Amino acid sequence: MAEPFSTILCTDGSGGWCKYLNKGIVGLGSYGEGYVAESVEDGSLCVAKVMDSSKMSQRDKRCSQSEIKCLTNCNHPNIIRYIDDHEKNDWLLIVMEFADSGNPHEQIKLRGTGDAHYFQEHESLFLFLELCIAFDYIHSHKMLHRDIKSANVLLTSTGLVKLGDFGFSHQYEDTVSRVVASTFCGTPYYLAPELWNNQSYNEDADV
């Protein structure tokens, strides 16, 4: 799947110039795959998302471009950092910061087995506080995330919570226009009541 960007995302850097070394698949999506990659320049780990846009609807293509736009305009410790993007023919590559401790969805399942413990109250409060800080940042920059769920909240080994997956996000101009604030999108089980009621919505729907 990463072949279209073989000169950018390589499995072996010894054969010539490349920007990122592919360390293996980290996830599968409807239109492509995600890889853990290592920056050749500084050795830092990142996530490279490779997508086949020929399989996307026009709406999905707009979502991909909106994700790049929103991530590019974010600069906050509680937001997954945008690094790079490339387009080639019908393929799109987005490179982002790697959060090395998964997400609460995975952690809850992991902590429910064996001798592991569920999140304690103070841990949950800390996660919630950092997430609220991330919300405050994107909303103050006129962005709606529109797909808040545990799988899109990422964790690092240093204890930081990072909001990720901006695939349904949108950055608006001055106020939330009716077009943006009435679009039905997101993950069904996590949608705000306003969307199910076919009502317009604002930043509150993220919370």
N, C-alpha and C. Protein backbone atom coordinates (compact mmCIF):
# COMPACT_ATOMS: atom_id res chain seq x y z
N MET A 1 0.82 -1.22 0.00
CA MET A 1 0.00 0.00 0.00
C MET A 1 0.86 1.26 0.00
N ALA A 2 2.07 1.20 0.59
CA ALA A 2 2.91 2.39 0.67
C ALA A 2 3.73 2.62 -0.59
N GLU A 3 3.63 1.71 -1.57
CA GLU A 3 4.46 1.78 -2.78
C GLU A 3 4.38 3.12 -3.52
N PRO A 4 3.19 3.76 -3.62
CA PRO A 4 3.14 5.04 -4.35
C PRO A 4 4.10 6.09 -3.79
N PHE A 5 4.47 5.95 -2.52
CA PHE A 5 5.37 6.92 -1.88
C PHE A 5 6.69 6.25 -1.49
N SER A 6 7.15 5.31 -2.31
CA SER A 6 8.34 4.52 -1.98
C SER A 6 9.60 5.36 -1.87
N THR A 7 9.62 6.54 -2.49
CA THR A 7 10.79 7.41 -2.36
C THR A 7 10.69 8.34 -1.15
N ILE A 8 9.54 8.32 -0.48
CA ILE A 8 9.33 9.13 0.72
C ILE A 8 9.25 8.24 1.96
N LEU A 9 8.44 7.18 1.85
CA LEU A 9 8.25 6.23 2.94
C LEU A 9 8.87 4.90 2.51
N CYS A 10 10.03 4.56 3.05
CA CYS A 10 10.80 3.41 2.58
C CYS A 10 10.90 2.34 3.66
N THR A 11 11.09 1.11 3.24
CA THR A 11 11.34 0.03 4.20
C THR A 11 12.82 -0.09 4.53
N ASP A 12 13.67 0.43 3.65
CA ASP A 12 15.12 0.35 3.84
C ASP A 12 15.75 1.60 3.26
N GLY A 13 16.39 2.38 4.10
CA GLY A 13 16.96 3.64 3.65
C GLY A 13 18.33 3.51 3.01
N SER A 14 18.85 2.29 2.94
CA SER A 14 20.21 2.12 2.42
C SER A 14 20.30 2.25 0.91
N GLY A 15 19.15 2.10 0.22
CA GLY A 15 19.18 2.12 -1.24
C GLY A 15 19.14 3.50 -1.86
N GLY A 16 19.03 4.52 -1.06
CA GLY A 16 18.95 5.87 -1.60
C GLY A 16 18.21 6.78 -0.64
N TRP A 17 17.90 7.99 -1.13
CA TRP A 17 17.28 8.98 -0.26
C TRP A 17 15.83 8.62 0.04
N CYS A 18 15.42 8.77 1.28
CA CYS A 18 14.01 8.72 1.64
C CYS A 18 13.83 9.54 2.90
N LYS A 19 12.60 9.88 3.19
CA LYS A 19 12.31 10.80 4.29
C LYS A 19 11.93 10.07 5.58
N TYR A 20 11.20 8.95 5.41
CA TYR A 20 10.72 8.19 6.56
C TYR A 20 10.97 6.70 6.33
N LEU A 21 11.35 6.00 7.40
CA LEU A 21 11.53 4.56 7.34
C LEU A 21 10.28 3.87 7.88
N ASN A 22 9.69 3.01 7.08
CA ASN A 22 8.47 2.29 7.44
C ASN A 22 8.79 1.22 8.47
N LYS A 23 8.16 1.30 9.64
CA LYS A 23 8.39 0.34 10.72
C LYS A 23 7.27 -0.68 10.85
N GLY A 24 6.24 -0.58 10.02
CA GLY A 24 5.16 -1.57 10.06
C GLY A 24 3.78 -0.94 10.18
N ILE A 25 2.78 -1.74 9.85
CA ILE A 25 1.39 -1.28 9.88
C ILE A 25 0.92 -1.09 11.31
N VAL A 26 0.24 0.02 11.55
CA VAL A 26 -0.33 0.29 12.86
C VAL A 26 -1.85 0.29 12.82
N GLY A 27 -2.44 0.36 11.61
CA GLY A 27 -3.89 0.36 11.51
C GLY A 27 -4.36 0.28 10.07
N LEU A 28 -5.60 -0.18 9.91
CA LEU A 28 -6.22 -0.29 8.59
C LEU A 28 -7.46 0.59 8.55
N GLY A 29 -7.69 1.25 7.42
CA GLY A 29 -8.86 2.08 7.26
C GLY A 29 -9.62 1.72 6.01
N SER A 30 -10.70 2.43 5.76
CA SER A 30 -11.54 2.15 4.59
C SER A 30 -10.80 2.41 3.29
N TYR A 31 -9.87 3.36 3.30
CA TYR A 31 -9.21 3.77 2.06
C TYR A 31 -7.70 3.56 2.07
N GLY A 32 -7.18 2.95 3.12
CA GLY A 32 -5.73 2.78 3.15
C GLY A 32 -5.23 2.20 4.45
N GLU A 33 -3.97 2.48 4.74
CA GLU A 33 -3.31 1.92 5.90
C GLU A 33 -2.52 3.00 6.63
N GLY A 34 -2.31 2.76 7.93
CA GLY A 34 -1.47 3.63 8.72
C GLY A 34 -0.21 2.89 9.13
N TYR A 35 0.92 3.57 9.09
CA TYR A 35 2.20 2.95 9.40
C TYR A 35 2.92 3.74 10.50
N VAL A 36 3.62 3.02 11.37
CA VAL A 36 4.57 3.68 12.24
C VAL A 36 5.83 3.90 11.41
N ALA A 37 6.35 5.10 11.44
CA ALA A 37 7.53 5.43 10.64
C ALA A 37 8.54 6.19 11.49
N GLU A 38 9.77 6.15 11.04
CA GLU A 38 10.85 6.85 11.73
C GLU A 38 11.43 7.92 10.82
N SER A 39 11.53 9.12 11.33
CA SER A 39 12.11 10.20 10.54
C SER A 39 13.60 9.95 10.33
N VAL A 40 14.03 9.96 9.07
CA VAL A 40 15.44 9.77 8.76
C VAL A 40 16.27 10.93 9.30
N GLU A 41 15.66 12.10 9.34
CA GLU A 41 16.38 13.31 9.75
C GLU A 41 16.76 13.29 11.23
N ASP A 42 15.78 12.95 12.10
CA ASP A 42 16.07 13.05 13.53
C ASP A 42 15.76 11.78 14.33
N GLY A 43 15.26 10.73 13.67
CA GLY A 43 15.00 9.47 14.37
C GLY A 43 13.71 9.42 15.16
N SER A 44 12.92 10.49 15.11
CA SER A 44 11.65 10.50 15.86
C SER A 44 10.62 9.62 15.16
N LEU A 45 9.70 9.06 15.96
CA LEU A 45 8.64 8.23 15.41
C LEU A 45 7.44 9.08 15.02
N CYS A 46 6.76 8.66 13.98
CA CYS A 46 5.57 9.35 13.52
C CYS A 46 4.60 8.32 12.94
N VAL A 47 3.43 8.78 12.54
CA VAL A 47 2.45 7.93 11.88
C VAL A 47 2.26 8.44 10.46
N ALA A 48 2.38 7.53 9.50
CA ALA A 48 2.18 7.88 8.09
C ALA A 48 0.91 7.20 7.61
N LYS A 49 -0.07 8.01 7.23
CA LYS A 49 -1.36 7.49 6.77
C LYS A 49 -1.41 7.58 5.25
N VAL A 50 -1.51 6.42 4.58
CA VAL A 50 -1.53 6.36 3.12
C VAL A 50 -2.95 6.00 2.67
N MET A 51 -3.54 6.83 1.81
CA MET A 51 -4.93 6.62 1.39
C MET A 51 -5.07 6.67 -0.12
N ASP A 52 -5.93 5.82 -0.64
CA ASP A 52 -6.25 5.76 -2.07
C ASP A 52 -7.48 6.63 -2.32
N SER A 53 -7.26 7.84 -2.81
CA SER A 53 -8.37 8.77 -2.98
C SER A 53 -9.29 8.40 -4.14
N SER A 54 -8.85 7.48 -5.01
CA SER A 54 -9.71 7.05 -6.12
C SER A 54 -10.92 6.26 -5.60
N LYS A 55 -10.82 5.75 -4.38
CA LYS A 55 -11.92 5.00 -3.78
C LYS A 55 -12.83 5.89 -2.94
N MET A 56 -12.48 7.15 -2.83
CA MET A 56 -13.23 8.06 -1.98
C MET A 56 -14.34 8.76 -2.74
N SER A 57 -15.41 9.07 -2.02
CA SER A 57 -16.44 9.95 -2.56
C SER A 57 -15.91 11.38 -2.52
N GLN A 58 -16.60 12.29 -3.18
CA GLN A 58 -16.19 13.69 -3.14
C GLN A 58 -16.22 14.23 -1.72
N ARG A 59 -17.18 13.78 -0.95
CA ARG A 59 -17.27 14.22 0.45
C ARG A 59 -16.06 13.73 1.24
N ASP A 60 -15.65 12.48 1.03
CA ASP A 60 -14.49 11.94 1.74
C ASP A 60 -13.21 12.67 1.35
N LYS A 61 -13.10 13.04 0.08
CA LYS A 61 -11.93 13.80 -0.36
C LYS A 61 -11.88 15.16 0.33
N ARG A 62 -13.05 15.79 0.46
CA ARG A 62 -13.10 17.08 1.15
C ARG A 62 -12.71 16.92 2.62
N CYS A 63 -13.14 15.81 3.21
CA CYS A 63 -12.80 15.54 4.62
C CYS A 63 -11.29 15.39 4.79
N SER A 64 -10.65 14.70 3.86
CA SER A 64 -9.20 14.51 3.94
C SER A 64 -8.47 15.84 3.85
N GLN A 65 -8.91 16.69 2.95
CA GLN A 65 -8.29 18.00 2.81
C GLN A 65 -8.56 18.88 4.03
N SER A 66 -9.76 18.74 4.59
CA SER A 66 -10.11 19.50 5.79
C SER A 66 -9.27 19.04 6.98
N GLU A 67 -9.00 17.73 7.04
CA GLU A 67 -8.15 17.21 8.11
C GLU A 67 -6.75 17.83 8.04
N ILE A 68 -6.20 17.89 6.84
CA ILE A 68 -4.87 18.49 6.67
C ILE A 68 -4.90 19.96 7.06
N LYS A 69 -5.93 20.68 6.61
CA LYS A 69 -6.04 22.10 6.91
C LYS A 69 -6.11 22.35 8.41
N CYS A 70 -6.98 21.59 9.09
CA CYS A 70 -7.15 21.81 10.53
C CYS A 70 -5.90 21.45 11.31
N LEU A 71 -5.29 20.31 10.99
CA LEU A 71 -4.08 19.91 11.70
C LEU A 71 -2.95 20.90 11.46
N THR A 72 -2.85 21.41 10.23
CA THR A 72 -1.81 22.39 9.91
C THR A 72 -1.97 23.65 10.74
N ASN A 73 -3.22 24.01 11.05
CA ASN A 73 -3.50 25.24 11.79
C ASN A 73 -3.49 25.05 13.30
N CYS A 74 -3.20 23.84 13.75
CA CYS A 74 -3.15 23.57 15.19
C CYS A 74 -1.70 23.53 15.67
N ASN A 75 -1.47 24.12 16.82
CA ASN A 75 -0.15 24.07 17.46
C ASN A 75 -0.37 24.05 18.96
N HIS A 76 -0.57 22.86 19.50
CA HIS A 76 -0.92 22.74 20.92
C HIS A 76 -0.47 21.37 21.43
N PRO A 77 0.04 21.29 22.65
CA PRO A 77 0.53 20.00 23.18
C PRO A 77 -0.54 18.94 23.32
N ASN A 78 -1.82 19.33 23.35
CA ASN A 78 -2.90 18.35 23.48
C ASN A 78 -3.58 18.04 22.15
N ILE A 79 -2.95 18.43 21.06
CA ILE A 79 -3.44 18.12 19.71
C ILE A 79 -2.34 17.36 18.96
N ILE A 80 -2.71 16.27 18.30
CA ILE A 80 -1.73 15.54 17.50
C ILE A 80 -1.12 16.50 16.47
N ARG A 81 0.20 16.51 16.40
CA ARG A 81 0.92 17.48 15.57
C ARG A 81 1.02 17.02 14.12
N TYR A 82 0.66 17.92 13.22
CA TYR A 82 0.85 17.69 11.79
C TYR A 82 2.33 17.81 11.46
N ILE A 83 2.83 16.91 10.60
CA ILE A 83 4.23 16.95 10.21
C ILE A 83 4.40 17.21 8.71
N ASP A 84 3.65 16.49 7.89
CA ASP A 84 3.94 16.51 6.46
C ASP A 84 2.75 15.94 5.69
N ASP A 85 2.65 16.26 4.42
CA ASP A 85 1.68 15.58 3.54
C ASP A 85 2.18 15.62 2.10
N HIS A 86 1.78 14.62 1.34
CA HIS A 86 2.17 14.51 -0.07
C HIS A 86 1.00 13.93 -0.86
N GLU A 87 0.87 14.35 -2.10
CA GLU A 87 -0.11 13.77 -3.02
C GLU A 87 0.60 13.27 -4.26
N LYS A 88 0.18 12.11 -4.74
CA LYS A 88 0.75 11.54 -5.96
C LYS A 88 -0.33 10.78 -6.70
N ASN A 89 -0.68 11.27 -7.88
CA ASN A 89 -1.77 10.68 -8.65
C ASN A 89 -3.03 10.62 -7.79
N ASP A 90 -3.55 9.43 -7.51
CA ASP A 90 -4.76 9.30 -6.69
C ASP A 90 -4.44 8.93 -5.24
N TRP A 91 -3.20 9.14 -4.83
CA TRP A 91 -2.80 8.73 -3.49
C TRP A 91 -2.48 9.94 -2.62
N LEU A 92 -2.78 9.80 -1.33
CA LEU A 92 -2.53 10.87 -0.37
C LEU A 92 -1.77 10.30 0.82
N LEU A 93 -0.73 10.99 1.24
CA LEU A 93 0.07 10.61 2.40
C LEU A 93 0.02 11.74 3.42
N ILE A 94 -0.40 11.43 4.64
CA ILE A 94 -0.40 12.40 5.73
C ILE A 94 0.48 11.86 6.85
N VAL A 95 1.43 12.67 7.29
CA VAL A 95 2.36 12.27 8.36
C VAL A 95 2.05 13.10 9.60
N MET A 96 1.88 12.39 10.73
CA MET A 96 1.50 13.04 11.98
C MET A 96 2.35 12.51 13.13
N GLU A 97 2.28 13.20 14.23
CA GLU A 97 2.94 12.78 15.46
C GLU A 97 2.44 11.40 15.91
N PHE A 98 3.32 10.62 16.50
CA PHE A 98 2.98 9.29 17.00
C PHE A 98 2.75 9.35 18.51
N ALA A 99 1.58 8.90 18.95
CA ALA A 99 1.28 8.79 20.38
C ALA A 99 1.53 7.34 20.79
N ASP A 100 2.51 7.10 21.65
CA ASP A 100 3.03 5.76 21.86
C ASP A 100 2.28 4.90 22.88
N SER A 101 1.19 5.41 23.45
CA SER A 101 0.48 4.62 24.46
C SER A 101 -0.97 4.33 24.08
N GLY A 102 -1.26 4.36 22.80
CA GLY A 102 -2.60 3.97 22.34
C GLY A 102 -3.66 5.00 22.66
N ASN A 103 -4.84 4.52 23.04
CA ASN A 103 -5.97 5.40 23.34
C ASN A 103 -6.77 4.81 24.50
N PRO A 104 -7.65 5.60 25.13
CA PRO A 104 -8.43 5.09 26.26
C PRO A 104 -9.27 3.87 25.91
N HIS A 105 -9.76 3.79 24.68
CA HIS A 105 -10.56 2.62 24.27
C HIS A 105 -9.74 1.35 24.42
N GLU A 106 -8.50 1.37 23.96
CA GLU A 106 -7.61 0.20 24.09
C GLU A 106 -7.22 -0.02 25.54
N GLN A 107 -6.93 1.07 26.25
CA GLN A 107 -6.48 0.95 27.63
C GLN A 107 -7.56 0.38 28.55
N ILE A 108 -8.81 0.76 28.31
CA ILE A 108 -9.91 0.25 29.13
C ILE A 108 -10.04 -1.26 28.95
N LYS A 109 -9.94 -1.74 27.71
CA LYS A 109 -10.01 -3.18 27.45
C LYS A 109 -8.82 -3.90 28.07
N LEU A 110 -7.64 -3.29 27.96
CA LEU A 110 -6.43 -3.89 28.51
C LEU A 110 -6.48 -3.96 30.03
N ARG A 111 -6.97 -2.88 30.65
CA ARG A 111 -7.01 -2.81 32.10
C ARG A 111 -8.11 -3.70 32.69
N GLY A 112 -9.00 -4.18 31.84
CA GLY A 112 -10.06 -5.06 32.33
C GLY A 112 -9.67 -6.52 32.36
N THR A 113 -8.42 -6.82 32.03
CA THR A 113 -7.96 -8.20 32.01
C THR A 113 -6.83 -8.40 33.02
N GLY A 114 -6.71 -9.61 33.51
CA GLY A 114 -5.62 -9.96 34.42
C GLY A 114 -5.63 -9.13 35.68
N ASP A 115 -4.44 -8.70 36.09
CA ASP A 115 -4.29 -7.93 37.33
C ASP A 115 -4.28 -6.43 37.10
N ALA A 116 -4.54 -6.04 35.86
CA ALA A 116 -4.55 -4.60 35.55
C ALA A 116 -5.73 -3.92 36.22
N HIS A 117 -5.59 -2.63 36.50
CA HIS A 117 -6.64 -1.87 37.17
C HIS A 117 -7.26 -0.87 36.20
N TYR A 118 -8.56 -0.65 36.37
CA TYR A 118 -9.23 0.36 35.57
C TYR A 118 -8.69 1.75 35.94
N PHE A 119 -9.00 2.73 35.11
CA PHE A 119 -8.59 4.09 35.42
C PHE A 119 -9.17 4.51 36.78
N GLN A 120 -8.33 5.06 37.63
CA GLN A 120 -8.79 5.59 38.90
C GLN A 120 -9.45 6.95 38.68
N GLU A 121 -10.18 7.40 39.69
CA GLU A 121 -10.92 8.65 39.54
C GLU A 121 -10.00 9.82 39.21
N HIS A 122 -8.86 9.90 39.88
CA HIS A 122 -7.95 11.02 39.62
C HIS A 122 -7.35 10.93 38.21
N GLU A 123 -7.15 9.70 37.72
CA GLU A 123 -6.64 9.53 36.36
C GLU A 123 -7.68 9.98 35.34
N SER A 124 -8.92 9.57 35.56
CA SER A 124 -10.00 9.96 34.65
C SER A 124 -10.18 11.47 34.63
N LEU A 125 -10.08 12.09 35.80
CA LEU A 125 -10.22 13.54 35.89
C LEU A 125 -9.11 14.24 35.12
N PHE A 126 -7.90 13.71 35.23
CA PHE A 126 -6.76 14.29 34.52
C PHE A 126 -6.94 14.17 33.01
N LEU A 127 -7.39 13.00 32.55
CA LEU A 127 -7.65 12.80 31.12
C LEU A 127 -8.71 13.78 30.63
N PHE A 128 -9.78 13.92 31.42
CA PHE A 128 -10.88 14.80 31.04
C PHE A 128 -10.42 16.25 30.98
N LEU A 129 -9.60 16.66 31.94
CA LEU A 129 -9.10 18.04 31.98
C LEU A 129 -8.27 18.35 30.74
N GLU A 130 -7.36 17.46 30.39
CA GLU A 130 -6.53 17.69 29.21
C GLU A 130 -7.36 17.72 27.93
N LEU A 131 -8.38 16.87 27.89
CA LEU A 131 -9.26 16.85 26.72
C LEU A 131 -10.04 18.16 26.61
N CYS A 132 -10.49 18.68 27.74
CA CYS A 132 -11.20 19.96 27.74
C CYS A 132 -10.30 21.10 27.26
N ILE A 133 -9.02 21.03 27.63
CA ILE A 133 -8.06 22.04 27.16
C ILE A 133 -7.92 21.96 25.64
N ALA A 134 -7.90 20.73 25.11
CA ALA A 134 -7.83 20.55 23.66
C ALA A 134 -9.08 21.11 22.99
N PHE A 135 -10.26 20.84 23.58
CA PHE A 135 -11.51 21.38 23.04
C PHE A 135 -11.47 22.90 23.01
N ASP A 136 -11.03 23.48 24.13
CA ASP A 136 -10.99 24.94 24.22
C ASP A 136 -10.10 25.52 23.13
N TYR A 137 -9.00 24.85 22.85
CA TYR A 137 -8.08 25.34 21.81
C TYR A 137 -8.71 25.30 20.43
N ILE A 138 -9.26 24.15 20.03
CA ILE A 138 -9.82 24.07 18.67
C ILE A 138 -11.04 24.96 18.51
N HIS A 139 -11.86 25.07 19.56
CA HIS A 139 -13.06 25.91 19.46
C HIS A 139 -12.68 27.39 19.41
N SER A 140 -11.63 27.77 20.12
CA SER A 140 -11.18 29.17 20.07
C SER A 140 -10.56 29.50 18.71
N HIS A 141 -10.18 28.46 17.96
CA HIS A 141 -9.65 28.66 16.61
C HIS A 141 -10.71 28.33 15.55
N LYS A 142 -11.97 28.39 15.98
CA LYS A 142 -13.11 28.22 15.07
C LYS A 142 -13.08 26.87 14.34
N MET A 143 -12.85 25.82 15.09
CA MET A 143 -12.87 24.47 14.53
C MET A 143 -13.89 23.61 15.27
N LEU A 144 -14.55 22.75 14.53
CA LEU A 144 -15.38 21.69 15.09
C LEU A 144 -14.67 20.37 14.80
N HIS A 145 -14.58 19.49 15.79
CA HIS A 145 -13.95 18.18 15.57
C HIS A 145 -14.95 17.20 14.97
N ARG A 146 -16.10 17.06 15.60
CA ARG A 146 -17.26 16.30 15.10
C ARG A 146 -17.09 14.78 15.09
N ASP A 147 -16.08 14.27 15.77
CA ASP A 147 -15.96 12.82 15.91
C ASP A 147 -15.23 12.47 17.20
N ILE A 148 -15.71 13.03 18.30
CA ILE A 148 -15.10 12.78 19.59
C ILE A 148 -15.51 11.40 20.10
N LYS A 149 -14.54 10.55 20.34
CA LYS A 149 -14.76 9.22 20.92
C LYS A 149 -13.44 8.75 21.50
N SER A 150 -13.51 7.71 22.32
CA SER A 150 -12.31 7.27 23.03
C SER A 150 -11.19 6.83 22.09
N ALA A 151 -11.55 6.28 20.93
CA ALA A 151 -10.53 5.82 19.98
C ALA A 151 -9.79 6.98 19.32
N ASN A 152 -10.35 8.18 19.39
CA ASN A 152 -9.71 9.35 18.77
C ASN A 152 -9.01 10.24 19.79
N VAL A 153 -8.95 9.77 21.03
CA VAL A 153 -8.19 10.45 22.08
C VAL A 153 -6.93 9.62 22.31
N LEU A 154 -5.78 10.19 22.02
CA LEU A 154 -4.54 9.43 22.04
C LEU A 154 -3.70 9.75 23.27
N LEU A 155 -2.91 8.78 23.70
CA LEU A 155 -2.14 8.89 24.93
C LEU A 155 -0.65 8.72 24.64
N THR A 156 0.17 9.40 25.43
CA THR A 156 1.62 9.24 25.32
C THR A 156 2.18 8.69 26.62
N SER A 157 3.38 8.13 26.55
CA SER A 157 4.01 7.55 27.74
C SER A 157 4.41 8.63 28.75
N THR A 158 4.44 9.89 28.32
CA THR A 158 4.76 10.98 29.23
C THR A 158 3.53 11.51 29.95
N GLY A 159 2.36 10.94 29.65
CA GLY A 159 1.14 11.34 30.35
C GLY A 159 0.29 12.36 29.63
N LEU A 160 0.69 12.76 28.43
CA LEU A 160 -0.11 13.74 27.69
C LEU A 160 -1.28 13.08 26.97
N VAL A 161 -2.40 13.78 26.97
CA VAL A 161 -3.57 13.39 26.19
C VAL A 161 -3.57 14.23 24.92
N LYS A 162 -3.77 13.59 23.78
CA LYS A 162 -3.74 14.30 22.51
C LYS A 162 -4.97 13.97 21.68
N LEU A 163 -5.68 14.99 21.26
CA LEU A 163 -6.85 14.81 20.41
C LEU A 163 -6.38 14.55 18.99
N GLY A 164 -6.89 13.47 18.37
CA GLY A 164 -6.47 13.11 17.02
C GLY A 164 -7.64 12.83 16.11
N ASP A 165 -7.34 12.31 14.93
CA ASP A 165 -8.30 11.97 13.88
C ASP A 165 -9.26 13.13 13.59
N PHE A 166 -8.79 14.06 12.80
CA PHE A 166 -9.58 15.24 12.42
C PHE A 166 -10.29 15.04 11.09
N GLY A 167 -10.61 13.79 10.77
CA GLY A 167 -11.23 13.47 9.49
C GLY A 167 -12.59 14.11 9.25
N PHE A 168 -13.35 14.40 10.32
CA PHE A 168 -14.65 15.06 10.17
C PHE A 168 -14.60 16.52 10.60
N SER A 169 -13.42 17.01 10.89
CA SER A 169 -13.30 18.37 11.41
C SER A 169 -13.56 19.41 10.33
N HIS A 170 -13.84 20.61 10.78
CA HIS A 170 -14.06 21.71 9.83
C HIS A 170 -13.70 23.01 10.51
N GLN A 171 -12.99 23.85 9.79
CA GLN A 171 -12.66 25.18 10.29
C GLN A 171 -13.51 26.20 9.56
N TYR A 172 -14.24 27.00 10.32
CA TYR A 172 -15.16 27.96 9.72
C TYR A 172 -14.60 29.37 9.83
N GLU A 173 -15.26 30.31 9.21
CA GLU A 173 -14.72 31.66 9.12
C GLU A 173 -15.00 32.50 10.37
N ASP A 174 -16.23 32.97 10.52
CA ASP A 174 -16.53 33.86 11.64
C ASP A 174 -17.46 33.21 12.67
N THR A 175 -18.56 32.66 12.18
CA THR A 175 -19.49 31.97 13.06
C THR A 175 -19.78 30.61 12.44
N VAL A 176 -20.43 29.76 13.21
CA VAL A 176 -20.76 28.44 12.69
C VAL A 176 -21.90 28.59 11.69
N SER A 177 -21.58 28.44 10.41
CA SER A 177 -22.61 28.59 9.39
C SER A 177 -23.58 27.42 9.42
N ARG A 178 -24.74 27.61 8.83
CA ARG A 178 -25.75 26.55 8.84
C ARG A 178 -25.25 25.32 8.08
N VAL A 179 -24.49 25.52 7.03
CA VAL A 179 -23.98 24.38 6.26
C VAL A 179 -23.09 23.51 7.14
N VAL A 180 -22.16 24.12 7.84
CA VAL A 180 -21.25 23.38 8.71
C VAL A 180 -22.00 22.81 9.91
N ALA A 181 -22.88 23.60 10.46
CA ALA A 181 -23.52 23.23 11.72
C ALA A 181 -24.76 22.37 11.55
N SER A 182 -24.98 21.84 10.37
CA SER A 182 -26.10 20.92 10.20
C SER A 182 -25.69 19.66 9.45
N THR A 183 -24.39 19.54 9.15
CA THR A 183 -23.89 18.36 8.45
C THR A 183 -23.94 17.14 9.36
N PHE A 184 -24.57 16.07 8.89
CA PHE A 184 -24.67 14.85 9.69
C PHE A 184 -23.40 14.03 9.46
N CYS A 185 -22.54 13.96 10.48
CA CYS A 185 -21.30 13.20 10.36
C CYS A 185 -20.83 12.78 11.74
N GLY A 186 -19.91 11.84 11.77
CA GLY A 186 -19.40 11.34 13.03
C GLY A 186 -19.64 9.85 13.17
N THR A 187 -19.43 9.33 14.37
CA THR A 187 -19.63 7.91 14.67
C THR A 187 -20.97 7.75 15.38
N PRO A 188 -21.89 6.95 14.85
CA PRO A 188 -23.27 6.89 15.36
C PRO A 188 -23.42 6.82 16.88
N TYR A 189 -22.71 5.91 17.54
CA TYR A 189 -22.88 5.74 18.98
C TYR A 189 -22.43 6.96 19.78
N TYR A 190 -21.66 7.84 19.17
CA TYR A 190 -21.09 8.98 19.88
C TYR A 190 -21.70 10.32 19.46
N LEU A 191 -22.69 10.30 18.59
CA LEU A 191 -23.26 11.54 18.08
C LEU A 191 -24.04 12.29 19.16
N ALA A 192 -23.98 13.61 19.09
CA ALA A 192 -24.77 14.45 19.99
C ALA A 192 -26.25 14.35 19.62
N PRO A 193 -27.16 14.54 20.59
CA PRO A 193 -28.60 14.46 20.31
C PRO A 193 -29.06 15.39 19.20
N GLU A 194 -28.41 16.56 19.08
CA GLU A 194 -28.81 17.51 18.04
C GLU A 194 -28.73 16.91 16.65
N LEU A 195 -27.72 16.08 16.41
CA LEU A 195 -27.57 15.49 15.09
C LEU A 195 -28.66 14.48 14.81
N TRP A 196 -28.97 13.64 15.82
CA TRP A 196 -30.04 12.66 15.63
C TRP A 196 -31.39 13.34 15.43
N ASN A 197 -31.55 14.52 16.02
CA ASN A 197 -32.80 15.27 15.88
C ASN A 197 -32.81 16.18 14.65
N ASN A 198 -31.77 16.05 13.82
CA ASN A 198 -31.66 16.83 12.58
C ASN A 198 -31.69 18.33 12.86
N GLN A 199 -31.03 18.73 13.93
CA GLN A 199 -30.97 20.13 14.31
C GLN A 199 -29.58 20.70 13.99
N SER A 200 -29.51 22.00 13.85
CA SER A 200 -28.20 22.63 13.69
C SER A 200 -27.46 22.53 15.03
N TYR A 201 -26.14 22.65 14.97
CA TYR A 201 -25.36 22.48 16.20
C TYR A 201 -24.14 23.37 16.17
N ASN A 202 -23.52 23.51 17.35
CA ASN A 202 -22.30 24.32 17.46
C ASN A 202 -21.24 23.53 18.23
N GLU A 203 -20.30 24.25 18.84
CA GLU A 203 -19.19 23.58 19.52
C GLU A 203 -19.65 22.66 20.65
N ASP A 204 -20.82 22.93 21.22
CA ASP A 204 -21.31 22.10 22.32
C ASP A 204 -21.45 20.64 21.92
N ALA A 205 -21.68 20.38 20.64
CA ALA A 205 -21.85 19.00 20.18
C ALA A 205 -20.56 18.19 20.31
N ASP A 206 -19.42 18.87 20.40
CA ASP A 206 -18.15 18.16 20.61
C ASP A 206 -18.03 17.68 22.05
N VAL A 207 -18.75 18.32 22.95
CA VAL A 207 -18.63 18.01 24.37
C VAL A 207 -19.76 17.11 24.84
